[in-house]
Structure formats: structure tokens, C-alpha cells
PDB file of all heavy atoms in Angstrom:
ATOM      1  N   GLY A   1      -1.768  15.619  -1.998  1.00  0.00           N
ATOM      2  CA  GLY A   1      -1.570  17.002  -1.619  1.00  0.00           C
ATOM      3  C   GLY A   1      -0.146  17.426  -1.367  1.00  0.00           C
ATOM      4  O   GLY A   1       0.094  18.551  -0.895  1.00  0.00           O
ATOM      5  N   ALA A   2       0.829  16.587  -1.685  1.00  0.00           N
ATOM      6  CA  ALA A   2       2.236  16.944  -1.499  1.00  0.00           C
ATOM      7  C   ALA A   2       3.041  16.430  -2.680  1.00  0.00           C
ATOM      8  O   ALA A   2       2.604  15.531  -3.410  1.00  0.00           O
ATOM      9  CB  ALA A   2       2.766  16.374  -0.183  1.00  0.00           C
ATOM     10  N   ARG A   3       4.208  16.986  -2.865  1.00  0.00           N
ATOM     11  CA  ARG A   3       5.042  16.607  -4.001  1.00  0.00           C
ATOM     12  C   ARG A   3       5.933  15.425  -3.649  1.00  0.00           C
ATOM     13  O   ARG A   3       6.525  15.353  -2.565  1.00  0.00           O
ATOM     14  CB  ARG A   3       5.927  17.788  -4.438  1.00  0.00           C
ATOM     15  CG  ARG A   3       5.181  19.062  -4.749  1.00  0.00           C
ATOM     16  CD  ARG A   3       4.204  18.897  -5.908  1.00  0.00           C
ATOM     17  NE  ARG A   3       4.882  18.771  -7.186  1.00  0.00           N
ATOM     18  CZ  ARG A   3       4.250  18.585  -8.349  1.00  0.00           C
ATOM     19  NH1 ARG A   3       2.906  18.471  -8.360  1.00  0.00           N
ATOM     20  NH2 ARG A   3       4.910  18.493  -9.474  1.00  0.00           N
ATOM     21  N   THR A   4       6.005  14.481  -4.581  1.00  0.00           N
ATOM     22  CA  THR A   4       6.906  13.350  -4.456  1.00  0.00           C
ATOM     23  C   THR A   4       7.299  12.925  -5.866  1.00  0.00           C
ATOM     24  O   THR A   4       6.902  13.574  -6.844  1.00  0.00           O
ATOM     25  CB  THR A   4       6.251  12.196  -3.675  1.00  0.00           C
ATOM     26  OG1 THR A   4       7.232  11.189  -3.409  1.00  0.00           O
ATOM     27  CG2 THR A   4       5.097  11.581  -4.449  1.00  0.00           C
ATOM     28  N   LYS A   5       8.073  11.864  -5.982  1.00  0.00           N
ATOM     29  CA  LYS A   5       8.503  11.405  -7.307  1.00  0.00           C
ATOM     30  C   LYS A   5       8.015   9.990  -7.558  1.00  0.00           C
ATOM     31  O   LYS A   5       7.978   9.157  -6.643  1.00  0.00           O
ATOM     32  CB  LYS A   5      10.025  11.471  -7.425  1.00  0.00           C
ATOM     33  CG  LYS A   5      10.563  12.896  -7.532  1.00  0.00           C
ATOM     34  CD  LYS A   5      12.053  12.906  -7.829  1.00  0.00           C
ATOM     35  CE  LYS A   5      12.551  14.331  -8.038  1.00  0.00           C
ATOM     36  NZ  LYS A   5      13.994  14.369  -8.371  1.00  0.00           N
ATOM     37  N   MET A   6       7.650   9.751  -8.811  1.00  0.00           N
ATOM     38  CA  MET A   6       7.217   8.429  -9.247  1.00  0.00           C
ATOM     39  C   MET A   6       7.939   8.060 -10.537  1.00  0.00           C
ATOM     40  O   MET A   6       8.373   8.943 -11.292  1.00  0.00           O
ATOM     41  CB  MET A   6       5.700   8.394  -9.444  1.00  0.00           C
ATOM     42  CG  MET A   6       4.930   8.509  -8.150  1.00  0.00           C
ATOM     43  SD  MET A   6       3.154   8.259  -8.351  1.00  0.00           S
ATOM     44  CE  MET A   6       2.644   8.365  -6.632  1.00  0.00           C
ATOM     45  N   PRO A   7       8.075   6.780 -10.811  1.00  0.00           N
ATOM     46  CA  PRO A   7       8.823   6.348 -12.001  1.00  0.00           C
ATOM     47  C   PRO A   7       8.071   6.686 -13.286  1.00  0.00           C
ATOM     48  O   PRO A   7       6.856   6.503 -13.371  1.00  0.00           O
ATOM     49  CB  PRO A   7       8.951   4.846 -11.811  1.00  0.00           C
ATOM     50  CG  PRO A   7       7.810   4.474 -10.922  1.00  0.00           C
ATOM     51  CD  PRO A   7       7.611   5.641 -10.003  1.00  0.00           C
ATOM     52  N   PRO A   8       8.796   7.159 -14.310  1.00  0.00           N
ATOM     53  CA  PRO A   8       8.148   7.490 -15.581  1.00  0.00           C
ATOM     54  C   PRO A   8       7.957   6.289 -16.504  1.00  0.00           C
ATOM     55  O   PRO A   8       7.354   6.413 -17.570  1.00  0.00           O
ATOM     56  CB  PRO A   8       9.125   8.485 -16.208  1.00  0.00           C
ATOM     57  CG  PRO A   8      10.473   8.032 -15.717  1.00  0.00           C
ATOM     58  CD  PRO A   8      10.232   7.517 -14.307  1.00  0.00           C
ATOM     59  N   GLY A   9       8.468   5.104 -16.091  1.00  0.00           N
ATOM     60  CA  GLY A   9       8.453   3.948 -16.982  1.00  0.00           C
ATOM     61  C   GLY A   9       7.098   3.589 -17.554  1.00  0.00           C
ATOM     62  O   GLY A   9       6.969   3.409 -18.776  1.00  0.00           O
ATOM     63  N   PRO A  10       6.038   3.442 -16.732  1.00  0.00           N
ATOM     64  CA  PRO A  10       4.744   3.074 -17.310  1.00  0.00           C
ATOM     65  C   PRO A  10       4.259   4.067 -18.360  1.00  0.00           C
ATOM     66  O   PRO A  10       3.757   3.670 -19.417  1.00  0.00           O
ATOM     67  CB  PRO A  10       3.819   3.051 -16.089  1.00  0.00           C
ATOM     68  CG  PRO A  10       4.719   2.742 -14.944  1.00  0.00           C
ATOM     69  CD  PRO A  10       5.998   3.450 -15.258  1.00  0.00           C
ATOM     70  N   ALA A  11       4.413   5.366 -18.088  1.00  0.00           N
ATOM     71  CA  ALA A  11       3.971   6.376 -19.052  1.00  0.00           C
ATOM     72  C   ALA A  11       4.798   6.304 -20.335  1.00  0.00           C
ATOM     73  O   ALA A  11       4.246   6.355 -21.445  1.00  0.00           O
ATOM     74  CB  ALA A  11       4.081   7.773 -18.435  1.00  0.00           C
ATOM     75  N   LEU A  12       6.117   6.181 -20.200  1.00  0.00           N
ATOM     76  CA  LEU A  12       6.980   6.144 -21.381  1.00  0.00           C
ATOM     77  C   LEU A  12       6.715   4.903 -22.225  1.00  0.00           C
ATOM     78  O   LEU A  12       6.721   4.972 -23.464  1.00  0.00           O
ATOM     79  CB  LEU A  12       8.446   6.192 -20.952  1.00  0.00           C
ATOM     80  CG  LEU A  12       8.935   7.546 -20.422  1.00  0.00           C
ATOM     81  CD1 LEU A  12      10.323   7.409 -19.810  1.00  0.00           C
ATOM     82  CD2 LEU A  12       8.947   8.603 -21.536  1.00  0.00           C
ATOM     83  N   LEU A  13       6.468   3.770 -21.582  1.00  0.00           N
ATOM     84  CA  LEU A  13       6.180   2.549 -22.345  1.00  0.00           C
ATOM     85  C   LEU A  13       4.885   2.693 -23.129  1.00  0.00           C
ATOM     86  O   LEU A  13       4.806   2.289 -24.302  1.00  0.00           O
ATOM     87  CB  LEU A  13       6.088   1.350 -21.397  1.00  0.00           C
ATOM     88  CG  LEU A  13       7.405   0.726 -20.958  1.00  0.00           C
ATOM     89  CD1 LEU A  13       7.154  -0.286 -19.853  1.00  0.00           C
ATOM     90  CD2 LEU A  13       8.106   0.067 -22.135  1.00  0.00           C
ATOM     91  N   ALA A  14       3.855   3.261 -22.494  1.00  0.00           N
ATOM     92  CA  ALA A  14       2.588   3.444 -23.197  1.00  0.00           C
ATOM     93  C   ALA A  14       2.744   4.420 -24.349  1.00  0.00           C
ATOM     94  O   ALA A  14       2.207   4.197 -25.449  1.00  0.00           O
ATOM     95  CB  ALA A  14       1.526   3.929 -22.214  1.00  0.00           C
ATOM     96  N   LEU A  15       3.484   5.507 -24.133  1.00  0.00           N
ATOM     97  CA  LEU A  15       3.680   6.492 -25.201  1.00  0.00           C
ATOM     98  C   LEU A  15       4.516   5.914 -26.340  1.00  0.00           C
ATOM     99  O   LEU A  15       4.257   6.203 -27.515  1.00  0.00           O
ATOM    100  CB  LEU A  15       4.356   7.736 -24.628  1.00  0.00           C
ATOM    101  CG  LEU A  15       3.488   8.585 -23.676  1.00  0.00           C
ATOM    102  CD1 LEU A  15       4.344   9.639 -22.981  1.00  0.00           C
ATOM    103  CD2 LEU A  15       2.342   9.244 -24.438  1.00  0.00           C
ATOM    104  N   ARG A  16       5.497   5.106 -26.003  1.00  0.00           N
ATOM    105  CA  ARG A  16       6.368   4.527 -27.022  1.00  0.00           C
ATOM    106  C   ARG A  16       5.628   3.491 -27.869  1.00  0.00           C
ATOM    107  O   ARG A  16       5.807   3.425 -29.102  1.00  0.00           O
ATOM    108  CB  ARG A  16       7.582   3.883 -26.344  1.00  0.00           C
ATOM    109  CG  ARG A  16       8.474   3.058 -27.252  1.00  0.00           C
ATOM    110  CD  ARG A  16       9.375   3.873 -28.154  1.00  0.00           C
ATOM    111  NE  ARG A  16      10.280   3.032 -28.897  1.00  0.00           N
ATOM    112  CZ  ARG A  16      11.483   2.641 -28.461  1.00  0.00           C
ATOM    113  NH1 ARG A  16      11.908   3.045 -27.259  1.00  0.00           N
ATOM    114  NH2 ARG A  16      12.248   1.879 -29.191  1.00  0.00           N
ATOM    115  N   THR A  17       4.783   2.674 -27.230  1.00  0.00           N
ATOM    116  CA  THR A  17       4.152   1.564 -27.947  1.00  0.00           C
ATOM    117  C   THR A  17       2.724   1.854 -28.377  1.00  0.00           C
ATOM    118  O   THR A  17       2.196   1.164 -29.256  1.00  0.00           O
ATOM    119  CB  THR A  17       4.136   0.309 -27.049  1.00  0.00           C
ATOM    120  OG1 THR A  17       3.339   0.577 -25.880  1.00  0.00           O
ATOM    121  CG2 THR A  17       5.549  -0.076 -26.638  1.00  0.00           C
ATOM    122  N   GLY A  18       2.074   2.830 -27.723  1.00  0.00           N
ATOM    123  CA  GLY A  18       0.657   3.055 -27.969  1.00  0.00           C
ATOM    124  C   GLY A  18      -0.236   2.028 -27.310  1.00  0.00           C
ATOM    125  O   GLY A  18      -1.454   1.999 -27.563  1.00  0.00           O
ATOM    126  N   ALA A  19       0.335   1.173 -26.443  1.00  0.00           N
ATOM    127  CA  ALA A  19      -0.449   0.128 -25.781  1.00  0.00           C
ATOM    128  C   ALA A  19      -1.405   0.736 -24.759  1.00  0.00           C
ATOM    129  O   ALA A  19      -1.140   1.806 -24.206  1.00  0.00           O
ATOM    130  CB  ALA A  19       0.483  -0.861 -25.089  1.00  0.00           C
ATOM    131  N   PRO A  20      -2.515   0.070 -24.473  1.00  0.00           N
ATOM    132  CA  PRO A  20      -3.419   0.555 -23.417  1.00  0.00           C
ATOM    133  C   PRO A  20      -2.692   0.648 -22.084  1.00  0.00           C
ATOM    134  O   PRO A  20      -1.901  -0.233 -21.724  1.00  0.00           O
ATOM    135  CB  PRO A  20      -4.516  -0.508 -23.389  1.00  0.00           C
ATOM    136  CG  PRO A  20      -4.441  -1.193 -24.713  1.00  0.00           C
ATOM    137  CD  PRO A  20      -3.013  -1.149 -25.126  1.00  0.00           C
ATOM    138  N   LEU A  21      -2.980   1.716 -21.351  1.00  0.00           N
ATOM    139  CA  LEU A  21      -2.383   1.941 -20.040  1.00  0.00           C
ATOM    140  C   LEU A  21      -3.488   1.921 -18.987  1.00  0.00           C
ATOM    141  O   LEU A  21      -4.475   2.662 -19.101  1.00  0.00           O
ATOM    142  CB  LEU A  21      -1.657   3.294 -20.017  1.00  0.00           C
ATOM    143  CG  LEU A  21      -1.169   3.791 -18.656  1.00  0.00           C
ATOM    144  CD1 LEU A  21      -0.100   2.862 -18.087  1.00  0.00           C
ATOM    145  CD2 LEU A  21      -0.625   5.218 -18.781  1.00  0.00           C
ATOM    146  N   TYR A  22      -3.312   1.078 -17.987  1.00  0.00           N
ATOM    147  CA  TYR A  22      -4.284   0.960 -16.901  1.00  0.00           C
ATOM    148  C   TYR A  22      -3.614   1.284 -15.573  1.00  0.00           C
ATOM    149  O   TYR A  22      -2.406   1.090 -15.400  1.00  0.00           O
ATOM    150  CB  TYR A  22      -4.858  -0.462 -16.823  1.00  0.00           C
ATOM    151  CG  TYR A  22      -5.523  -0.927 -18.090  1.00  0.00           C
ATOM    152  CD1 TYR A  22      -4.826  -1.705 -19.020  1.00  0.00           C
ATOM    153  CD2 TYR A  22      -6.842  -0.597 -18.369  1.00  0.00           C
ATOM    154  CE1 TYR A  22      -5.428  -2.130 -20.196  1.00  0.00           C
ATOM    155  CE2 TYR A  22      -7.458  -1.030 -19.540  1.00  0.00           C
ATOM    156  CZ  TYR A  22      -6.746  -1.788 -20.449  1.00  0.00           C
ATOM    157  OH  TYR A  22      -7.344  -2.208 -21.610  1.00  0.00           O
ATOM    158  N   VAL A  23      -4.423   1.760 -14.629  1.00  0.00           N
ATOM    159  CA  VAL A  23      -3.971   1.928 -13.257  1.00  0.00           C
ATOM    160  C   VAL A  23      -4.770   0.963 -12.396  1.00  0.00           C
ATOM    161  O   VAL A  23      -6.005   0.919 -12.477  1.00  0.00           O
ATOM    162  CB  VAL A  23      -4.160   3.373 -12.763  1.00  0.00           C
ATOM    163  CG1 VAL A  23      -3.743   3.497 -11.307  1.00  0.00           C
ATOM    164  CG2 VAL A  23      -3.351   4.335 -13.627  1.00  0.00           C
ATOM    165  N   ALA A  24      -4.075   0.185 -11.583  1.00  0.00           N
ATOM    166  CA  ALA A  24      -4.732  -0.823 -10.766  1.00  0.00           C
ATOM    167  C   ALA A  24      -4.919  -0.331  -9.334  1.00  0.00           C
ATOM    168  O   ALA A  24      -4.045   0.329  -8.770  1.00  0.00           O
ATOM    169  CB  ALA A  24      -3.922  -2.113 -10.756  1.00  0.00           C
ATOM    170  N   SER A  25      -6.057  -0.655  -8.774  1.00  0.00           N
ATOM    171  CA  SER A  25      -6.294  -0.559  -7.338  1.00  0.00           C
ATOM    172  C   SER A  25      -6.206  -1.971  -6.788  1.00  0.00           C
ATOM    173  O   SER A  25      -6.762  -2.898  -7.382  1.00  0.00           O
ATOM    174  CB  SER A  25      -7.673   0.047  -7.064  1.00  0.00           C
ATOM    175  OG  SER A  25      -7.979   0.011  -5.688  1.00  0.00           O
ATOM    176  N   MET A  26      -5.500  -2.159  -5.659  1.00  0.00           N
ATOM    177  CA  MET A  26      -5.284  -3.507  -5.135  1.00  0.00           C
ATOM    178  C   MET A  26      -5.607  -3.541  -3.649  1.00  0.00           C
ATOM    179  O   MET A  26      -5.236  -2.632  -2.900  1.00  0.00           O
ATOM    180  CB  MET A  26      -3.839  -3.943  -5.389  1.00  0.00           C
ATOM    181  CG  MET A  26      -3.437  -3.838  -6.862  1.00  0.00           C
ATOM    182  SD  MET A  26      -1.863  -4.600  -7.238  1.00  0.00           S
ATOM    183  CE  MET A  26      -2.308  -6.334  -7.160  1.00  0.00           C
ATOM    184  N   TRP A  27      -6.309  -4.601  -3.239  1.00  0.00           N
ATOM    185  CA  TRP A  27      -6.712  -4.726  -1.839  1.00  0.00           C
ATOM    186  C   TRP A  27      -6.994  -6.180  -1.518  1.00  0.00           C
ATOM    187  O   TRP A  27      -6.906  -7.052  -2.380  1.00  0.00           O
ATOM    188  CB  TRP A  27      -7.945  -3.865  -1.566  1.00  0.00           C
ATOM    189  CG  TRP A  27      -9.211  -4.356  -2.190  1.00  0.00           C
ATOM    190  CD1 TRP A  27     -10.171  -5.141  -1.600  1.00  0.00           C
ATOM    191  CD2 TRP A  27      -9.674  -4.119  -3.539  1.00  0.00           C
ATOM    192  NE1 TRP A  27     -11.195  -5.401  -2.488  1.00  0.00           N
ATOM    193  CE2 TRP A  27     -10.917  -4.780  -3.684  1.00  0.00           C
ATOM    194  CE3 TRP A  27      -9.157  -3.407  -4.630  1.00  0.00           C
ATOM    195  CZ2 TRP A  27     -11.645  -4.764  -4.869  1.00  0.00           C
ATOM    196  CZ3 TRP A  27      -9.873  -3.387  -5.825  1.00  0.00           C
ATOM    197  CH2 TRP A  27     -11.104  -4.050  -5.928  1.00  0.00           C
ATOM    198  N   TYR A  28      -7.327  -6.410  -0.259  1.00  0.00           N
ATOM    199  CA  TYR A  28      -7.673  -7.746   0.214  1.00  0.00           C
ATOM    200  C   TYR A  28      -9.146  -7.822   0.597  1.00  0.00           C
ATOM    201  O   TYR A  28      -9.690  -6.897   1.199  1.00  0.00           O
ATOM    202  CB  TYR A  28      -6.857  -8.109   1.457  1.00  0.00           C
ATOM    203  CG  TYR A  28      -5.523  -8.751   1.170  1.00  0.00           C
ATOM    204  CD1 TYR A  28      -4.343  -8.196   1.663  1.00  0.00           C
ATOM    205  CD2 TYR A  28      -5.434  -9.937   0.448  1.00  0.00           C
ATOM    206  CE1 TYR A  28      -3.117  -8.795   1.423  1.00  0.00           C
ATOM    207  CE2 TYR A  28      -4.215 -10.538   0.198  1.00  0.00           C
ATOM    208  CZ  TYR A  28      -3.057  -9.970   0.696  1.00  0.00           C
ATOM    209  OH  TYR A  28      -1.848 -10.574   0.455  1.00  0.00           O
ATOM    210  N   GLU A  29      -9.772  -8.927   0.255  1.00  0.00           N
ATOM    211  CA  GLU A  29     -11.027  -9.365   0.844  1.00  0.00           C
ATOM    212  C   GLU A  29     -10.698 -10.576   1.715  1.00  0.00           C
ATOM    213  O   GLU A  29      -9.614 -11.164   1.593  1.00  0.00           O
ATOM    214  CB  GLU A  29     -12.039  -9.743  -0.239  1.00  0.00           C
ATOM    215  CG  GLU A  29     -12.448  -8.593  -1.151  1.00  0.00           C
ATOM    216  CD  GLU A  29     -13.314  -7.550  -0.465  1.00  0.00           C
ATOM    217  OE1 GLU A  29     -13.789  -7.844   0.673  1.00  0.00           O
ATOM    218  OE2 GLU A  29     -13.503  -6.470  -1.040  1.00  0.00           O
ATOM    219  N   PRO A  30     -11.603 -10.984   2.620  1.00  0.00           N
ATOM    220  CA  PRO A  30     -11.279 -12.119   3.493  1.00  0.00           C
ATOM    221  C   PRO A  30     -10.865 -13.380   2.745  1.00  0.00           C
ATOM    222  O   PRO A  30     -10.006 -14.132   3.218  1.00  0.00           O
ATOM    223  CB  PRO A  30     -12.580 -12.331   4.275  1.00  0.00           C
ATOM    224  CG  PRO A  30     -13.205 -10.968   4.330  1.00  0.00           C
ATOM    225  CD  PRO A  30     -12.882 -10.345   2.998  1.00  0.00           C
ATOM    226  N   ASP A  31     -11.461 -13.612   1.563  1.00  0.00           N
ATOM    227  CA  ASP A  31     -11.208 -14.864   0.862  1.00  0.00           C
ATOM    228  C   ASP A  31     -10.275 -14.747  -0.324  1.00  0.00           C
ATOM    229  O   ASP A  31      -9.952 -15.764  -0.951  1.00  0.00           O
ATOM    230  CB  ASP A  31     -12.533 -15.455   0.379  1.00  0.00           C
ATOM    231  CG  ASP A  31     -13.232 -14.552  -0.633  1.00  0.00           C
ATOM    232  OD1 ASP A  31     -13.055 -13.315  -0.555  1.00  0.00           O
ATOM    233  OD2 ASP A  31     -13.939 -15.082  -1.515  1.00  0.00           O
ATOM    234  N   ALA A  32      -9.803 -13.545  -0.658  1.00  0.00           N
ATOM    235  CA  ALA A  32      -9.002 -13.407  -1.875  1.00  0.00           C
ATOM    236  C   ALA A  32      -8.300 -12.064  -1.913  1.00  0.00           C
ATOM    237  O   ALA A  32      -8.728 -11.093  -1.277  1.00  0.00           O
ATOM    238  CB  ALA A  32      -9.886 -13.563  -3.119  1.00  0.00           C
ATOM    239  N   ALA A  33      -7.199 -12.016  -2.683  1.00  0.00           N
ATOM    240  CA  ALA A  33      -6.606 -10.746  -3.075  1.00  0.00           C
ATOM    241  C   ALA A  33      -7.388 -10.231  -4.274  1.00  0.00           C
ATOM    242  O   ALA A  33      -7.799 -11.004  -5.138  1.00  0.00           O
ATOM    243  CB  ALA A  33      -5.134 -10.929  -3.436  1.00  0.00           C
ATOM    244  N   CYS A  34      -7.615  -8.921  -4.328  1.00  0.00           N
ATOM    245  CA  CYS A  34      -8.474  -8.345  -5.361  1.00  0.00           C
ATOM    246  C   CYS A  34      -7.789  -7.155  -6.027  1.00  0.00           C
ATOM    247  O   CYS A  34      -6.882  -6.538  -5.461  1.00  0.00           O
ATOM    248  CB  CYS A  34      -9.804  -7.889  -4.769  1.00  0.00           C
ATOM    249  SG  CYS A  34     -10.762  -9.206  -3.992  1.00  0.00           S
ATOM    250  N   ALA A  35      -8.250  -6.839  -7.229  1.00  0.00           N
ATOM    251  CA  ALA A  35      -7.771  -5.660  -7.947  1.00  0.00           C
ATOM    252  C   ALA A  35      -8.852  -5.194  -8.901  1.00  0.00           C
ATOM    253  O   ALA A  35      -9.727  -5.964  -9.304  1.00  0.00           O
ATOM    254  CB  ALA A  35      -6.485  -5.972  -8.718  1.00  0.00           C
ATOM    255  N   SER A  36      -8.789  -3.923  -9.254  1.00  0.00           N
ATOM    256  CA  SER A  36      -9.649  -3.372 -10.297  1.00  0.00           C
ATOM    257  C   SER A  36      -8.810  -2.480 -11.182  1.00  0.00           C
ATOM    258  O   SER A  36      -7.772  -1.942 -10.752  1.00  0.00           O
ATOM    259  CB  SER A  36     -10.818  -2.579  -9.688  1.00  0.00           C
ATOM    260  OG  SER A  36     -10.338  -1.453  -8.974  1.00  0.00           O
ATOM    261  N   LEU A  37      -9.250  -2.321 -12.417  1.00  0.00           N
ATOM    262  CA  LEU A  37      -8.504  -1.538 -13.394  1.00  0.00           C
ATOM    263  C   LEU A  37      -9.238  -0.254 -13.737  1.00  0.00           C
ATOM    264  O   LEU A  37     -10.451  -0.256 -13.957  1.00  0.00           O
ATOM    265  CB  LEU A  37      -8.299  -2.343 -14.682  1.00  0.00           C
ATOM    266  CG  LEU A  37      -7.464  -3.621 -14.586  1.00  0.00           C
ATOM    267  CD1 LEU A  37      -7.395  -4.296 -15.950  1.00  0.00           C
ATOM    268  CD2 LEU A  37      -6.075  -3.332 -14.054  1.00  0.00           C
ATOM    269  N   GLU A  38      -8.499   0.841 -13.796  1.00  0.00           N
ATOM    270  CA  GLU A  38      -8.997   2.103 -14.332  1.00  0.00           C
ATOM    271  C   GLU A  38      -8.332   2.309 -15.685  1.00  0.00           C
ATOM    272  O   GLU A  38      -7.112   2.215 -15.806  1.00  0.00           O
ATOM    273  CB  GLU A  38      -8.642   3.268 -13.415  1.00  0.00           C
ATOM    274  CG  GLU A  38      -9.015   4.629 -13.998  1.00  0.00           C
ATOM    275  CD  GLU A  38      -8.325   5.790 -13.290  1.00  0.00           C
ATOM    276  OE1 GLU A  38      -7.781   5.588 -12.200  1.00  0.00           O
ATOM    277  OE2 GLU A  38      -8.315   6.904 -13.870  1.00  0.00           O
TER     278      GLU A  38
END
């Protein structure tokens, strides 16, 4: 809900190469570090 700045690198790399672009969610469970991909 507010304006800030983020790096354009991931977007530019995907646009330049056509490679799949994913966004990761990262968190902890008691026994492991975890992530999921969108």
C-alpha cells in the first residue's frame, strides 16, 4: 500500500533471455527452512 523501489534485475534478465521467472516465498518450519515458487 505504499511506494518504494525494487531492483529491475530479475525482470530485465527474464525479458532479455525469455527464461522462466519465479517469485519465491521463504519461511521457517521447526525442522527446516522452506520455500515455495509462484
